[in-house]
C-alpha atoms as a PDB file:
ATOM      1  CA  UNK A   1       0.000   0.000   0.000  1.00  0.00           C
ATOM      2  CA  UNK A   2       1.080   3.553  -0.606  1.00  0.00           C
ATOM      3  CA  UNK A   3       1.212   6.119   2.160  1.00  0.00           C
ATOM      4  CA  UNK A   4      -2.015   7.677   0.883  1.00  0.00           C
ATOM      5  CA  UNK A   5      -3.752   4.297   0.892  1.00  0.00           C
ATOM      6  CA  UNK A   6      -2.513   3.705   4.442  1.00  0.00           C
ATOM      7  CA  UNK A   7      -3.913   7.053   5.572  1.00  0.00           C
ATOM      8  CA  UNK A   8      -7.251   6.347   3.885  1.00  0.00           C
ATOM      9  CA  UNK A   9      -7.393   2.944   5.595  1.00  0.00           C
ATOM     10  CA  UNK A  10      -6.659   4.539   8.974  1.00  0.00           C
ATOM     11  CA  UNK A  11      -9.355   7.154   8.407  1.00  0.00           C
ATOM     12  CA  UNK A  12     -11.900   4.487   7.492  1.00  0.00           C
ATOM     13  CA  UNK A  13     -11.028   1.725   9.996  1.00  0.00           C
ATOM     14  CA  UNK A  14      -8.894   3.399  12.679  1.00  0.00           C
ATOM     15  CA  UNK A  15      -5.297   3.174  13.810  1.00  0.00           C
ATOM     16  CA  UNK A  16      -5.771   0.095  15.989  1.00  0.00           C
ATOM     17  CA  UNK A  17      -6.987  -2.055  13.088  1.00  0.00           C
ATOM     18  CA  UNK A  18      -4.257  -0.673  10.811  1.00  0.00           C
ATOM     19  CA  UNK A  19      -1.554  -1.622  13.315  1.00  0.00           C
ATOM     20  CA  UNK A  20      -3.061  -5.078  13.833  1.00  0.00           C
ATOM     21  CA  UNK A  21      -3.033  -5.748  10.087  1.00  0.00           C
ATOM     22  CA  UNK A  22       0.491  -4.374   9.673  1.00  0.00           C
ATOM     23  CA  UNK A  23       1.736  -6.647  12.478  1.00  0.00           C
ATOM     24  CA  UNK A  24       0.409  -9.651  10.544  1.00  0.00           C
ATOM     25  CA  UNK A  25       1.702  -8.340   7.205  1.00  0.00           C
ATOM     26  CA  UNK A  26       5.264  -7.871   8.487  1.00  0.00           C
ATOM     27  CA  UNK A  27       5.533 -11.133  10.479  1.00  0.00           C
ATOM     28  CA  UNK A  28       7.880 -13.832   9.194  1.00  0.00           C
ATOM     29  CA  UNK A  29       5.970 -16.992   8.236  1.00  0.00           C
ATOM     30  CA  UNK A  30       8.958 -19.112   9.283  1.00  0.00           C
ATOM     31  CA  UNK A  31       9.747 -17.839  12.790  1.00  0.00           C
ATOM     32  CA  UNK A  32       7.129 -15.197  13.602  1.00  0.00           C
ATOM     33  CA  UNK A  33       9.652 -12.387  14.086  1.00  0.00           C
ATOM     34  CA  UNK A  34       9.634  -9.013  12.318  1.00  0.00           C
ATOM     35  CA  UNK A  35      10.235  -8.621   8.584  1.00  0.00           C
ATOM     36  CA  UNK A  36      12.019  -5.386   7.676  1.00  0.00           C
ATOM     37  CA  UNK A  37       9.750  -3.172   5.575  1.00  0.00           C
ATOM     38  CA  UNK A  38      12.780  -1.701   3.783  1.00  0.00           C
ATOM     39  CA  UNK A  39      14.274  -4.914   2.371  1.00  0.00           C
ATOM     40  CA  UNK A  40      11.677  -7.630   3.014  1.00  0.00           C
ATOM     41  CA  UNK A  41      14.094  -9.753   5.044  1.00  0.00           C
ATOM     42  CA  UNK A  42      13.335 -11.326   8.405  1.00  0.00           C
ATOM     43  CA  UNK A  43      15.484  -9.724  11.100  1.00  0.00           C
ATOM     44  CA  UNK A  44      15.855 -13.164  12.693  1.00  0.00           C
ATOM     45  CA  UNK A  45      16.014 -15.744   9.886  1.00  0.00           C
ATOM     46  CA  UNK A  46      17.946 -13.550   7.440  1.00  0.00           C
ATOM     47  CA  UNK A  47      20.464 -12.033   9.835  1.00  0.00           C
ATOM     48  CA  UNK A  48      23.402 -13.766   8.125  1.00  0.00           C
ATOM     49  CA  UNK A  49      22.220 -12.553   4.709  1.00  0.00           C
ATOM     50  CA  UNK A  50      21.945  -9.016   6.094  1.00  0.00           C
ATOM     51  CA  UNK A  51      25.460  -9.174   7.530  1.00  0.00           C
ATOM     52  CA  UNK A  52      26.953 -10.500   4.269  1.00  0.00           C
ATOM     53  CA  UNK A  53      25.367  -7.868   2.053  1.00  0.00           C
ATOM     54  CA  UNK A  54      27.318  -4.598   2.209  1.00  0.00           C
ATOM     55  CA  UNK A  55      24.132  -2.707   1.382  1.00  0.00           C
ATOM     56  CA  UNK A  56      22.612  -3.711   4.733  1.00  0.00           C
ATOM     57  CA  UNK A  57      25.779  -3.804   6.842  1.00  0.00           C
ATOM     58  CA  UNK A  58      26.200  -1.884  10.034  1.00  0.00           C
ATOM     59  CA  UNK A  59      29.376  -1.181  11.952  1.00  0.00           C
ATOM     60  CA  UNK A  60      30.383  -4.208  13.990  1.00  0.00           C
ATOM     61  CA  UNK A  61      32.912  -3.934  16.746  1.00  0.00           C
END
């Protein structure tokens, strides 16, 4: 959904329902943890893939 569509949904159904549906939408089907909305990768299952890809790398000490 676009930002406008999200706002229209919130106006029609309310923030609580929007957040409930988003929680389901961004839940990993494998482990139930959060899927990143920016890259579509599970922050639990795909952690190694995130670390290996320079695009998603963070500073590690």
